[in-house]
């Protein structure tokens, strides 16, 4: 079973994925895959350099993520271009990881742009982690040390929570503490694995 896990920035996707991994899920974090795709000397990084210039490249030849973020989160066209340059290779690697697993593995693919990219169509279930904008802003400023305007730009670049709630099959609310989130994850795991067992028993 492939579960697509998504949610707005600062909602807590990484924490939820870690809790699901503790339950036995095989987690694929596309943010980590995306980092691998743009390693120095990679074709994707070369394409980014041609498109955005030397200002997004560190002296050691690696990608300057902060510099690139300042560009793409204030320009929808440039953000779309970056996705065009990197998403095909990311998808290729994610599909390879999925195919490496046995048929009975519960696979959780953490995909921030799950619905925007259309990857939800490759999933058996979709789960969205949501939290209020105020909570997410606080987490982002504490975690990343970015300014309020940078937080707003990143949040604006993603779907509103109402859209996640409309499109995802299961919603995990992350507005309290880790204990409460753990209960939400337990509920979700039981729901999804229970539905899979029921489906298998009828085939």
N, C-alpha and C. Protein backbone atom coordinates (compact mmCIF):
# COMPACT_ATOMS: atom_id res chain seq x y z
N UNK A 1 0.84 -1.19 0.00
CA UNK A 1 0.00 0.00 0.00
C UNK A 1 0.87 1.24 0.00
N UNK A 2 0.55 2.18 -0.87
CA UNK A 2 1.29 3.44 -0.95
C UNK A 2 0.43 4.54 -0.36
N UNK A 3 0.95 5.19 0.67
CA UNK A 3 0.26 6.30 1.32
C UNK A 3 0.99 7.58 0.96
N UNK A 4 0.29 8.52 0.38
CA UNK A 4 0.86 9.83 0.10
C UNK A 4 0.62 10.74 1.29
N UNK A 5 1.68 11.22 1.91
CA UNK A 5 1.59 12.07 3.09
C UNK A 5 1.98 13.49 2.71
N UNK A 6 1.10 14.45 2.98
CA UNK A 6 1.37 15.82 2.60
C UNK A 6 0.88 16.78 3.68
N UNK A 7 0.96 18.06 3.38
CA UNK A 7 0.55 19.09 4.34
C UNK A 7 1.38 20.33 4.12
N UNK A 8 0.91 21.45 4.64
CA UNK A 8 1.62 22.70 4.48
C UNK A 8 2.93 22.73 5.24
N UNK A 9 3.80 23.65 4.86
CA UNK A 9 5.08 23.79 5.53
C UNK A 9 4.85 24.14 7.01
N UNK A 10 5.57 23.45 7.88
CA UNK A 10 5.41 23.67 9.31
C UNK A 10 4.28 22.89 9.94
N UNK A 11 3.60 22.05 9.17
CA UNK A 11 2.47 21.30 9.73
C UNK A 11 2.92 20.11 10.57
N UNK A 12 4.12 19.58 10.30
CA UNK A 12 4.62 18.44 11.07
C UNK A 12 4.70 17.14 10.30
N UNK A 13 4.85 17.22 8.98
CA UNK A 13 4.91 16.02 8.15
C UNK A 13 6.05 15.10 8.55
N UNK A 14 7.22 15.68 8.82
CA UNK A 14 8.40 14.88 9.14
C UNK A 14 8.19 14.10 10.44
N UNK A 15 7.59 14.75 11.43
CA UNK A 15 7.33 14.08 12.70
C UNK A 15 6.33 12.95 12.52
N UNK A 16 5.27 13.20 11.76
CA UNK A 16 4.28 12.16 11.49
C UNK A 16 4.92 10.99 10.75
N UNK A 17 5.76 11.29 9.77
CA UNK A 17 6.43 10.21 9.03
C UNK A 17 7.30 9.37 9.95
N UNK A 18 8.00 10.02 10.89
CA UNK A 18 8.84 9.28 11.84
C UNK A 18 8.00 8.37 12.72
N UNK A 19 6.84 8.85 13.15
CA UNK A 19 5.95 8.02 13.97
C UNK A 19 5.41 6.84 13.17
N UNK A 20 5.11 7.06 11.91
CA UNK A 20 4.64 5.96 11.05
C UNK A 20 5.76 4.96 10.80
N UNK A 21 6.99 5.43 10.70
CA UNK A 21 8.12 4.53 10.52
C UNK A 21 8.28 3.62 11.73
N UNK A 22 8.02 4.16 12.92
CA UNK A 22 8.10 3.36 14.13
C UNK A 22 7.08 2.23 14.11
N UNK A 23 6.01 2.40 13.36
CA UNK A 23 4.98 1.37 13.26
C UNK A 23 5.28 0.36 12.16
N UNK A 24 6.36 0.58 11.43
CA UNK A 24 6.78 -0.38 10.41
C UNK A 24 6.66 0.10 8.99
N UNK A 25 6.24 1.35 8.79
CA UNK A 25 6.13 1.86 7.42
C UNK A 25 7.52 2.13 6.84
N UNK A 26 7.63 1.96 5.55
CA UNK A 26 8.84 2.34 4.82
C UNK A 26 8.62 3.76 4.31
N UNK A 27 9.40 4.71 4.81
CA UNK A 27 9.17 6.12 4.51
C UNK A 27 10.11 6.61 3.41
N UNK A 28 9.53 7.28 2.44
CA UNK A 28 10.29 7.94 1.39
C UNK A 28 10.03 9.44 1.54
N UNK A 29 11.05 10.19 1.90
CA UNK A 29 10.92 11.64 2.06
C UNK A 29 11.41 12.30 0.78
N UNK A 30 10.50 12.86 0.02
CA UNK A 30 10.91 13.43 -1.27
C UNK A 30 11.78 14.67 -1.11
N UNK A 31 11.73 15.32 0.05
CA UNK A 31 12.66 16.43 0.28
C UNK A 31 14.10 15.93 0.31
N UNK A 32 14.30 14.75 0.93
CA UNK A 32 15.64 14.17 0.95
C UNK A 32 16.06 13.69 -0.43
N UNK A 33 15.10 13.11 -1.16
CA UNK A 33 15.39 12.69 -2.52
C UNK A 33 15.77 13.90 -3.37
N UNK A 34 15.05 15.00 -3.16
CA UNK A 34 15.33 16.23 -3.92
C UNK A 34 16.73 16.74 -3.64
N UNK A 35 17.22 16.57 -2.43
CA UNK A 35 18.59 16.99 -2.11
C UNK A 35 19.60 16.13 -2.85
N UNK A 36 19.33 14.84 -2.94
CA UNK A 36 20.23 13.96 -3.67
C UNK A 36 20.28 14.30 -5.16
N UNK A 37 19.14 14.67 -5.69
CA UNK A 37 19.03 14.97 -7.12
C UNK A 37 19.91 16.14 -7.53
N UNK A 38 20.13 17.09 -6.60
CA UNK A 38 20.90 18.29 -6.94
C UNK A 38 22.28 18.30 -6.30
N UNK A 39 22.83 17.13 -6.05
CA UNK A 39 24.20 17.06 -5.56
C UNK A 39 25.16 17.66 -6.59
N UNK A 40 26.33 18.15 -6.15
CA UNK A 40 27.30 18.71 -7.10
C UNK A 40 27.61 17.74 -8.24
N UNK A 41 27.72 18.29 -9.44
CA UNK A 41 28.02 17.55 -10.67
C UNK A 41 26.81 16.81 -11.23
N UNK A 42 25.65 16.93 -10.59
CA UNK A 42 24.46 16.28 -11.11
C UNK A 42 23.88 17.07 -12.29
N UNK A 43 23.21 16.40 -13.22
CA UNK A 43 22.58 17.12 -14.34
C UNK A 43 21.55 18.14 -13.87
N UNK A 44 20.82 17.82 -12.81
CA UNK A 44 19.79 18.74 -12.32
C UNK A 44 20.42 20.02 -11.79
N UNK A 45 21.54 19.90 -11.06
CA UNK A 45 22.19 21.10 -10.54
C UNK A 45 22.76 21.94 -11.67
N UNK A 46 23.29 21.29 -12.68
CA UNK A 46 23.80 22.03 -13.83
C UNK A 46 22.68 22.81 -14.51
N UNK A 47 21.50 22.18 -14.60
CA UNK A 47 20.36 22.85 -15.22
C UNK A 47 19.89 24.03 -14.38
N UNK A 48 19.92 23.87 -13.06
CA UNK A 48 19.54 24.97 -12.16
C UNK A 48 20.52 26.13 -12.32
N UNK A 49 21.79 25.81 -12.43
CA UNK A 49 22.80 26.88 -12.59
C UNK A 49 22.59 27.66 -13.88
N UNK A 50 22.25 26.93 -14.94
CA UNK A 50 22.01 27.60 -16.22
C UNK A 50 20.78 28.50 -16.13
N UNK A 51 19.77 28.03 -15.42
CA UNK A 51 18.50 28.78 -15.34
C UNK A 51 18.57 29.95 -14.38
N UNK A 52 19.19 29.75 -13.21
CA UNK A 52 19.14 30.77 -12.15
C UNK A 52 20.45 31.52 -11.95
N UNK A 53 21.54 31.02 -12.53
CA UNK A 53 22.80 31.72 -12.45
C UNK A 53 23.68 31.27 -11.29
N UNK A 54 24.89 31.82 -11.24
CA UNK A 54 25.88 31.44 -10.25
C UNK A 54 25.51 31.87 -8.83
N UNK A 55 24.55 32.79 -8.70
CA UNK A 55 24.19 33.29 -7.37
C UNK A 55 23.55 32.22 -6.49
N UNK A 56 23.09 31.12 -7.09
CA UNK A 56 22.47 30.05 -6.30
C UNK A 56 23.44 28.88 -6.07
N UNK A 57 24.71 29.10 -6.38
CA UNK A 57 25.72 28.06 -6.21
C UNK A 57 26.74 28.50 -5.17
N UNK A 58 27.01 27.67 -4.19
CA UNK A 58 28.01 27.96 -3.16
C UNK A 58 29.43 27.85 -3.74
N UNK A 59 30.43 28.42 -3.06
CA UNK A 59 31.81 28.32 -3.54
C UNK A 59 32.29 26.87 -3.72
N UNK A 60 31.75 25.94 -2.93
CA UNK A 60 32.17 24.54 -3.05
C UNK A 60 31.43 23.79 -4.16
N UNK A 61 30.57 24.49 -4.90
CA UNK A 61 29.86 23.87 -6.01
C UNK A 61 28.51 23.29 -5.65
N UNK A 62 28.13 23.37 -4.38
CA UNK A 62 26.83 22.85 -3.96
C UNK A 62 25.74 23.91 -4.14
N UNK A 63 24.51 23.48 -4.06
CA UNK A 63 23.39 24.40 -4.23
C UNK A 63 23.22 25.27 -2.99
N UNK A 64 23.09 26.57 -3.19
CA UNK A 64 22.78 27.50 -2.10
C UNK A 64 21.27 27.54 -1.98
N UNK A 65 20.73 26.72 -1.10
CA UNK A 65 19.27 26.56 -0.99
C UNK A 65 18.58 27.84 -0.53
N UNK A 66 19.24 28.56 0.37
CA UNK A 66 18.64 29.79 0.87
C UNK A 66 18.51 30.82 -0.26
N UNK A 67 19.55 30.94 -1.08
CA UNK A 67 19.52 31.88 -2.19
C UNK A 67 18.44 31.50 -3.20
N UNK A 68 18.35 30.20 -3.48
CA UNK A 68 17.33 29.74 -4.42
C UNK A 68 15.93 29.96 -3.86
N UNK A 69 15.77 29.72 -2.57
CA UNK A 69 14.46 29.92 -1.94
C UNK A 69 14.00 31.36 -2.04
N UNK A 70 14.95 32.29 -1.87
CA UNK A 70 14.59 33.72 -1.95
C UNK A 70 14.06 34.08 -3.34
N UNK A 71 14.50 33.33 -4.34
CA UNK A 71 14.03 33.58 -5.70
C UNK A 71 12.68 32.93 -5.95
N UNK A 72 12.59 31.64 -5.68
CA UNK A 72 11.40 30.89 -6.13
C UNK A 72 10.16 31.17 -5.30
N UNK A 73 10.33 31.54 -4.02
CA UNK A 73 9.15 31.77 -3.21
C UNK A 73 8.57 33.17 -3.41
N UNK A 74 9.19 33.94 -4.28
CA UNK A 74 8.65 35.26 -4.62
C UNK A 74 8.33 35.36 -6.11
N UNK A 75 8.44 34.25 -6.83
CA UNK A 75 8.17 34.27 -8.26
C UNK A 75 7.59 32.92 -8.68
N UNK A 76 6.30 32.90 -8.92
CA UNK A 76 5.62 31.63 -9.24
C UNK A 76 6.18 31.00 -10.51
N UNK A 77 6.52 31.82 -11.49
CA UNK A 77 7.06 31.29 -12.72
C UNK A 77 8.39 30.59 -12.52
N UNK A 78 9.25 31.18 -11.71
CA UNK A 78 10.56 30.58 -11.44
C UNK A 78 10.42 29.31 -10.60
N UNK A 79 9.43 29.32 -9.69
CA UNK A 79 9.18 28.12 -8.89
C UNK A 79 8.71 26.97 -9.79
N UNK A 80 7.85 27.30 -10.75
CA UNK A 80 7.39 26.28 -11.69
C UNK A 80 8.55 25.76 -12.54
N UNK A 81 9.47 26.65 -12.90
CA UNK A 81 10.62 26.23 -13.70
C UNK A 81 11.52 25.29 -12.91
N UNK A 82 11.73 25.60 -11.62
CA UNK A 82 12.54 24.71 -10.79
C UNK A 82 11.90 23.33 -10.70
N UNK A 83 10.59 23.29 -10.51
CA UNK A 83 9.89 22.01 -10.45
C UNK A 83 10.05 21.24 -11.76
N UNK A 84 9.99 21.96 -12.85
CA UNK A 84 10.15 21.34 -14.17
C UNK A 84 11.54 20.71 -14.31
N UNK A 85 12.55 21.35 -13.73
CA UNK A 85 13.92 20.86 -13.84
C UNK A 85 14.19 19.67 -12.93
N UNK A 86 13.53 19.61 -11.79
CA UNK A 86 13.88 18.59 -10.79
C UNK A 86 12.86 17.47 -10.63
N UNK A 87 11.60 17.72 -10.86
CA UNK A 87 10.58 16.72 -10.55
C UNK A 87 10.69 15.42 -11.34
N UNK A 88 11.03 15.45 -12.62
CA UNK A 88 11.15 14.16 -13.33
C UNK A 88 12.16 13.21 -12.68
N UNK A 89 13.32 13.73 -12.28
CA UNK A 89 14.33 12.87 -11.65
C UNK A 89 13.89 12.44 -10.26
N UNK A 90 13.24 13.34 -9.52
CA UNK A 90 12.73 12.97 -8.20
C UNK A 90 11.71 11.84 -8.34
N UNK A 91 10.78 11.98 -9.28
CA UNK A 91 9.76 10.94 -9.48
C UNK A 91 10.40 9.62 -9.87
N UNK A 92 11.40 9.67 -10.73
CA UNK A 92 12.09 8.46 -11.16
C UNK A 92 12.69 7.72 -9.96
N UNK A 93 13.33 8.47 -9.06
CA UNK A 93 13.97 7.85 -7.90
C UNK A 93 12.94 7.35 -6.90
N UNK A 94 11.84 8.09 -6.72
CA UNK A 94 10.80 7.65 -5.80
C UNK A 94 10.17 6.34 -6.29
N UNK A 95 9.87 6.26 -7.58
CA UNK A 95 9.27 5.05 -8.13
C UNK A 95 10.23 3.86 -8.01
N UNK A 96 11.53 4.11 -8.14
CA UNK A 96 12.51 3.03 -7.98
C UNK A 96 12.53 2.53 -6.54
N UNK A 97 12.43 3.45 -5.58
CA UNK A 97 12.38 3.05 -4.17
C UNK A 97 11.12 2.25 -3.87
N UNK A 98 10.01 2.67 -4.45
CA UNK A 98 8.75 1.94 -4.24
C UNK A 98 8.85 0.54 -4.80
N UNK A 99 9.40 0.42 -6.00
CA UNK A 99 9.48 -0.89 -6.65
C UNK A 99 10.44 -1.83 -5.94
N UNK A 100 11.34 -1.28 -5.11
CA UNK A 100 12.30 -2.12 -4.39
C UNK A 100 11.68 -2.80 -3.18
N UNK A 101 10.47 -2.39 -2.81
CA UNK A 101 9.82 -2.95 -1.63
C UNK A 101 8.88 -4.10 -2.00
N UNK A 102 8.65 -4.99 -1.03
CA UNK A 102 7.75 -6.11 -1.25
C UNK A 102 6.31 -5.62 -1.32
N UNK A 103 5.44 -6.44 -1.87
CA UNK A 103 4.06 -6.04 -2.11
C UNK A 103 3.29 -5.77 -0.82
N UNK A 104 3.72 -6.37 0.29
CA UNK A 104 2.97 -6.19 1.54
C UNK A 104 3.50 -5.04 2.40
N UNK A 105 4.47 -4.30 1.90
CA UNK A 105 5.03 -3.19 2.65
C UNK A 105 4.09 -1.98 2.63
N UNK A 106 3.94 -1.35 3.78
CA UNK A 106 3.22 -0.08 3.83
C UNK A 106 4.24 1.02 3.54
N UNK A 107 4.08 1.68 2.42
CA UNK A 107 5.01 2.72 1.98
C UNK A 107 4.38 4.09 2.22
N UNK A 108 5.10 4.95 2.91
CA UNK A 108 4.65 6.32 3.13
C UNK A 108 5.57 7.25 2.34
N UNK A 109 5.00 7.90 1.34
CA UNK A 109 5.76 8.86 0.54
C UNK A 109 5.39 10.26 1.01
N UNK A 110 6.37 10.96 1.57
CA UNK A 110 6.15 12.33 2.05
C UNK A 110 6.37 13.27 0.87
N UNK A 111 5.28 13.86 0.40
CA UNK A 111 5.33 14.67 -0.83
C UNK A 111 4.64 16.01 -0.56
N UNK A 112 5.39 17.08 -0.33
CA UNK A 112 4.76 18.37 -0.07
C UNK A 112 3.80 18.81 -1.18
N UNK A 113 4.16 18.54 -2.42
CA UNK A 113 3.31 18.91 -3.56
C UNK A 113 2.54 17.70 -4.07
N UNK A 114 1.97 16.94 -3.16
CA UNK A 114 1.30 15.69 -3.52
C UNK A 114 0.21 15.91 -4.57
N UNK A 115 -0.68 16.84 -4.30
CA UNK A 115 -1.81 17.07 -5.21
C UNK A 115 -1.41 17.92 -6.41
N UNK A 116 -0.55 18.91 -6.17
CA UNK A 116 -0.13 19.77 -7.27
C UNK A 116 0.64 19.00 -8.34
N UNK A 117 1.43 18.01 -7.91
CA UNK A 117 2.25 17.23 -8.85
C UNK A 117 1.47 16.10 -9.51
N UNK A 118 0.31 15.76 -8.94
CA UNK A 118 -0.46 14.64 -9.45
C UNK A 118 -0.02 13.29 -8.91
N UNK A 119 0.95 13.29 -7.98
CA UNK A 119 1.43 12.01 -7.44
C UNK A 119 0.35 11.30 -6.62
N UNK A 120 -0.66 12.04 -6.17
CA UNK A 120 -1.75 11.40 -5.42
C UNK A 120 -2.42 10.30 -6.24
N UNK A 121 -2.36 10.41 -7.56
CA UNK A 121 -2.98 9.39 -8.41
C UNK A 121 -2.22 8.07 -8.38
N UNK A 122 -0.97 8.11 -7.88
CA UNK A 122 -0.17 6.89 -7.75
C UNK A 122 -0.30 6.27 -6.36
N UNK A 123 -1.12 6.87 -5.50
CA UNK A 123 -1.24 6.42 -4.11
C UNK A 123 -2.54 5.68 -3.87
N UNK A 124 -2.49 4.73 -2.94
CA UNK A 124 -3.71 4.02 -2.53
C UNK A 124 -4.52 4.85 -1.54
N UNK A 125 -3.81 5.65 -0.72
CA UNK A 125 -4.46 6.52 0.26
C UNK A 125 -3.68 7.83 0.33
N UNK A 126 -4.37 8.89 0.71
CA UNK A 126 -3.71 10.18 0.90
C UNK A 126 -4.01 10.69 2.30
N UNK A 127 -2.98 11.23 2.94
CA UNK A 127 -3.08 11.75 4.31
C UNK A 127 -2.50 13.15 4.33
N UNK A 128 -3.20 14.09 4.95
CA UNK A 128 -2.69 15.45 5.08
C UNK A 128 -2.56 15.82 6.55
N UNK A 129 -1.43 16.41 6.89
CA UNK A 129 -1.20 16.93 8.24
C UNK A 129 -1.55 18.41 8.22
N UNK A 130 -2.40 18.83 9.14
CA UNK A 130 -2.81 20.24 9.16
C UNK A 130 -2.61 20.84 10.54
N UNK A 131 -2.38 22.14 10.55
CA UNK A 131 -2.27 22.91 11.79
C UNK A 131 -2.62 24.35 11.42
N UNK A 132 -3.01 25.12 12.41
CA UNK A 132 -3.41 26.49 12.13
C UNK A 132 -2.23 27.29 11.58
N UNK A 133 -2.51 28.30 10.77
CA UNK A 133 -1.43 29.14 10.23
C UNK A 133 -0.56 29.75 11.34
N UNK A 134 -1.17 30.14 12.45
CA UNK A 134 -0.42 30.75 13.55
C UNK A 134 0.60 29.78 14.12
N UNK A 135 0.18 28.54 14.32
CA UNK A 135 1.08 27.52 14.86
C UNK A 135 2.20 27.24 13.86
N UNK A 136 1.86 27.13 12.61
CA UNK A 136 2.86 26.84 11.58
C UNK A 136 3.88 27.97 11.47
N UNK A 137 3.41 29.21 11.54
CA UNK A 137 4.33 30.35 11.49
C UNK A 137 5.35 30.27 12.63
N UNK A 138 4.85 29.99 13.83
CA UNK A 138 5.74 29.90 14.98
C UNK A 138 6.77 28.79 14.82
N UNK A 139 6.34 27.64 14.34
CA UNK A 139 7.26 26.53 14.14
C UNK A 139 8.34 26.87 13.11
N UNK A 140 7.93 27.51 12.03
CA UNK A 140 8.88 27.83 10.97
C UNK A 140 9.92 28.83 11.44
N UNK A 141 9.49 29.84 12.16
CA UNK A 141 10.45 30.85 12.63
C UNK A 141 11.41 30.27 13.65
N UNK A 142 10.90 29.36 14.47
CA UNK A 142 11.77 28.71 15.46
C UNK A 142 12.71 27.71 14.81
N UNK A 143 12.18 26.95 13.85
CA UNK A 143 12.97 25.88 13.23
C UNK A 143 14.00 26.41 12.23
N UNK A 144 13.57 27.34 11.37
CA UNK A 144 14.42 27.76 10.26
C UNK A 144 15.06 29.13 10.46
N UNK A 145 14.59 29.87 11.47
CA UNK A 145 15.17 31.18 11.72
C UNK A 145 14.96 32.16 10.59
N UNK A 146 13.83 32.05 9.89
CA UNK A 146 13.56 32.95 8.78
C UNK A 146 12.63 34.07 9.21
N UNK A 147 12.59 35.12 8.41
CA UNK A 147 11.78 36.28 8.76
C UNK A 147 10.30 36.02 8.54
N UNK A 148 9.48 36.89 9.11
CA UNK A 148 8.04 36.77 8.94
C UNK A 148 7.62 36.83 7.48
N UNK A 149 8.25 37.71 6.70
CA UNK A 149 7.90 37.82 5.28
C UNK A 149 8.28 36.57 4.51
N UNK A 150 9.40 35.94 4.89
CA UNK A 150 9.81 34.70 4.24
C UNK A 150 8.84 33.57 4.58
N UNK A 151 8.39 33.54 5.82
CA UNK A 151 7.39 32.54 6.22
C UNK A 151 6.13 32.70 5.39
N UNK A 152 5.65 33.95 5.28
CA UNK A 152 4.42 34.20 4.53
C UNK A 152 4.57 33.79 3.07
N UNK A 153 5.73 34.07 2.48
CA UNK A 153 5.95 33.72 1.07
C UNK A 153 5.91 32.21 0.87
N UNK A 154 6.49 31.46 1.80
CA UNK A 154 6.51 30.00 1.67
C UNK A 154 5.12 29.41 1.88
N UNK A 155 4.39 29.97 2.84
CA UNK A 155 3.05 29.46 3.09
C UNK A 155 2.13 29.79 1.93
N UNK A 156 2.29 30.96 1.35
CA UNK A 156 1.45 31.38 0.24
C UNK A 156 1.67 30.51 -0.99
N UNK A 157 2.86 29.92 -1.10
CA UNK A 157 3.20 29.10 -2.26
C UNK A 157 2.55 27.72 -2.22
N UNK A 158 1.90 27.38 -1.10
CA UNK A 158 1.30 26.07 -0.95
C UNK A 158 -0.22 26.16 -0.86
N UNK A 159 -0.85 25.01 -0.93
CA UNK A 159 -2.31 24.96 -0.83
C UNK A 159 -2.76 25.43 0.55
N UNK A 160 -3.93 26.05 0.65
CA UNK A 160 -4.49 26.36 1.97
C UNK A 160 -4.97 25.08 2.65
N UNK A 161 -5.04 25.11 3.98
CA UNK A 161 -5.44 23.91 4.72
C UNK A 161 -6.81 23.41 4.27
N UNK A 162 -7.70 24.31 3.93
CA UNK A 162 -9.04 23.89 3.49
C UNK A 162 -8.96 22.99 2.27
N UNK A 163 -7.98 23.25 1.40
CA UNK A 163 -7.84 22.42 0.21
C UNK A 163 -7.26 21.05 0.55
N UNK A 164 -6.31 21.01 1.50
CA UNK A 164 -5.81 19.71 1.95
C UNK A 164 -6.96 18.90 2.55
N UNK A 165 -7.78 19.54 3.36
CA UNK A 165 -8.88 18.83 4.01
C UNK A 165 -9.91 18.35 2.99
N UNK A 166 -10.07 19.09 1.92
CA UNK A 166 -11.02 18.68 0.89
C UNK A 166 -10.51 17.50 0.07
N UNK A 167 -9.22 17.47 -0.18
CA UNK A 167 -8.69 16.50 -1.14
C UNK A 167 -8.11 15.24 -0.50
N UNK A 168 -7.63 15.33 0.74
CA UNK A 168 -7.01 14.15 1.38
C UNK A 168 -8.08 13.21 1.94
N UNK A 169 -7.79 11.91 1.89
CA UNK A 169 -8.73 10.92 2.42
C UNK A 169 -8.74 10.95 3.95
N UNK A 170 -7.58 11.23 4.56
CA UNK A 170 -7.46 11.22 6.02
C UNK A 170 -6.73 12.50 6.45
N UNK A 171 -7.22 13.10 7.53
CA UNK A 171 -6.60 14.31 8.07
C UNK A 171 -6.00 14.02 9.44
N UNK A 172 -4.76 14.45 9.64
CA UNK A 172 -4.10 14.38 10.94
C UNK A 172 -3.93 15.81 11.44
N UNK A 173 -4.49 16.10 12.60
CA UNK A 173 -4.38 17.44 13.17
C UNK A 173 -3.21 17.49 14.15
N UNK A 174 -2.36 18.48 13.95
CA UNK A 174 -1.14 18.60 14.76
C UNK A 174 -1.08 20.00 15.37
N UNK A 175 -1.92 20.23 16.37
CA UNK A 175 -1.99 21.55 16.98
C UNK A 175 -1.75 21.52 18.48
N UNK A 176 -1.32 20.35 18.98
CA UNK A 176 -1.10 20.23 20.42
C UNK A 176 0.32 19.72 20.66
N UNK A 177 0.45 18.68 21.47
CA UNK A 177 1.77 18.16 21.81
C UNK A 177 2.03 16.82 21.12
N UNK A 178 3.21 16.26 21.36
CA UNK A 178 3.60 15.02 20.69
C UNK A 178 2.70 13.86 21.10
N UNK A 179 2.25 13.85 22.34
CA UNK A 179 1.36 12.79 22.80
C UNK A 179 0.06 12.79 22.01
N UNK A 180 -0.51 13.98 21.85
CA UNK A 180 -1.75 14.09 21.08
C UNK A 180 -1.53 13.71 19.62
N UNK A 181 -0.39 14.11 19.07
CA UNK A 181 -0.10 13.75 17.70
C UNK A 181 0.06 12.24 17.56
N UNK A 182 0.68 11.62 18.56
CA UNK A 182 0.83 10.17 18.54
C UNK A 182 -0.52 9.46 18.48
N UNK A 183 -1.50 10.00 19.19
CA UNK A 183 -2.84 9.40 19.16
C UNK A 183 -3.46 9.55 17.77
N UNK A 184 -3.22 10.71 17.15
CA UNK A 184 -3.73 10.92 15.79
C UNK A 184 -3.09 9.93 14.81
N UNK A 185 -1.79 9.72 14.97
CA UNK A 185 -1.09 8.78 14.09
C UNK A 185 -1.56 7.36 14.33
N UNK A 186 -1.78 6.99 15.60
CA UNK A 186 -2.31 5.66 15.91
C UNK A 186 -3.66 5.45 15.22
N UNK A 187 -4.51 6.46 15.31
CA UNK A 187 -5.84 6.37 14.68
C UNK A 187 -5.71 6.19 13.17
N UNK A 188 -4.82 6.96 12.59
CA UNK A 188 -4.64 6.89 11.14
C UNK A 188 -4.08 5.54 10.71
N UNK A 189 -3.09 5.06 11.45
CA UNK A 189 -2.48 3.77 11.12
C UNK A 189 -3.52 2.65 11.21
N UNK A 190 -4.29 2.64 12.27
CA UNK A 190 -5.31 1.60 12.44
C UNK A 190 -6.35 1.69 11.32
N UNK A 191 -6.72 2.90 10.96
CA UNK A 191 -7.71 3.09 9.90
C UNK A 191 -7.19 2.58 8.56
N UNK A 192 -5.96 2.94 8.22
CA UNK A 192 -5.43 2.59 6.91
C UNK A 192 -5.06 1.12 6.81
N UNK A 193 -4.40 0.60 7.83
CA UNK A 193 -4.03 -0.82 7.76
C UNK A 193 -5.25 -1.71 7.93
N UNK A 194 -6.22 -1.24 8.69
CA UNK A 194 -7.47 -2.00 8.83
C UNK A 194 -8.23 -2.07 7.53
N UNK A 195 -8.27 -0.95 6.81
CA UNK A 195 -8.98 -0.94 5.53
C UNK A 195 -8.26 -1.82 4.51
N UNK A 196 -6.92 -1.86 4.59
CA UNK A 196 -6.19 -2.71 3.68
C UNK A 196 -6.47 -4.19 3.96
N UNK A 197 -6.49 -4.54 5.25
CA UNK A 197 -6.76 -5.94 5.62
C UNK A 197 -8.17 -6.34 5.19
N UNK A 198 -9.11 -5.42 5.33
CA UNK A 198 -10.49 -5.71 4.92
C UNK A 198 -10.57 -5.91 3.41
N UNK A 199 -9.85 -5.07 2.68
CA UNK A 199 -9.86 -5.20 1.22
C UNK A 199 -9.23 -6.51 0.77
N UNK A 200 -8.14 -6.91 1.45
CA UNK A 200 -7.46 -8.16 1.09
C UNK A 200 -8.34 -9.37 1.39
N UNK A 201 -9.13 -9.28 2.46
CA UNK A 201 -9.97 -10.41 2.85
C UNK A 201 -11.13 -10.63 1.90
N UNK A 202 -11.47 -9.61 1.11
CA UNK A 202 -12.58 -9.73 0.19
C UNK A 202 -12.15 -10.08 -1.23
N UNK A 203 -10.81 -10.17 -1.43
CA UNK A 203 -10.31 -10.49 -2.77
C UNK A 203 -10.04 -11.97 -2.90
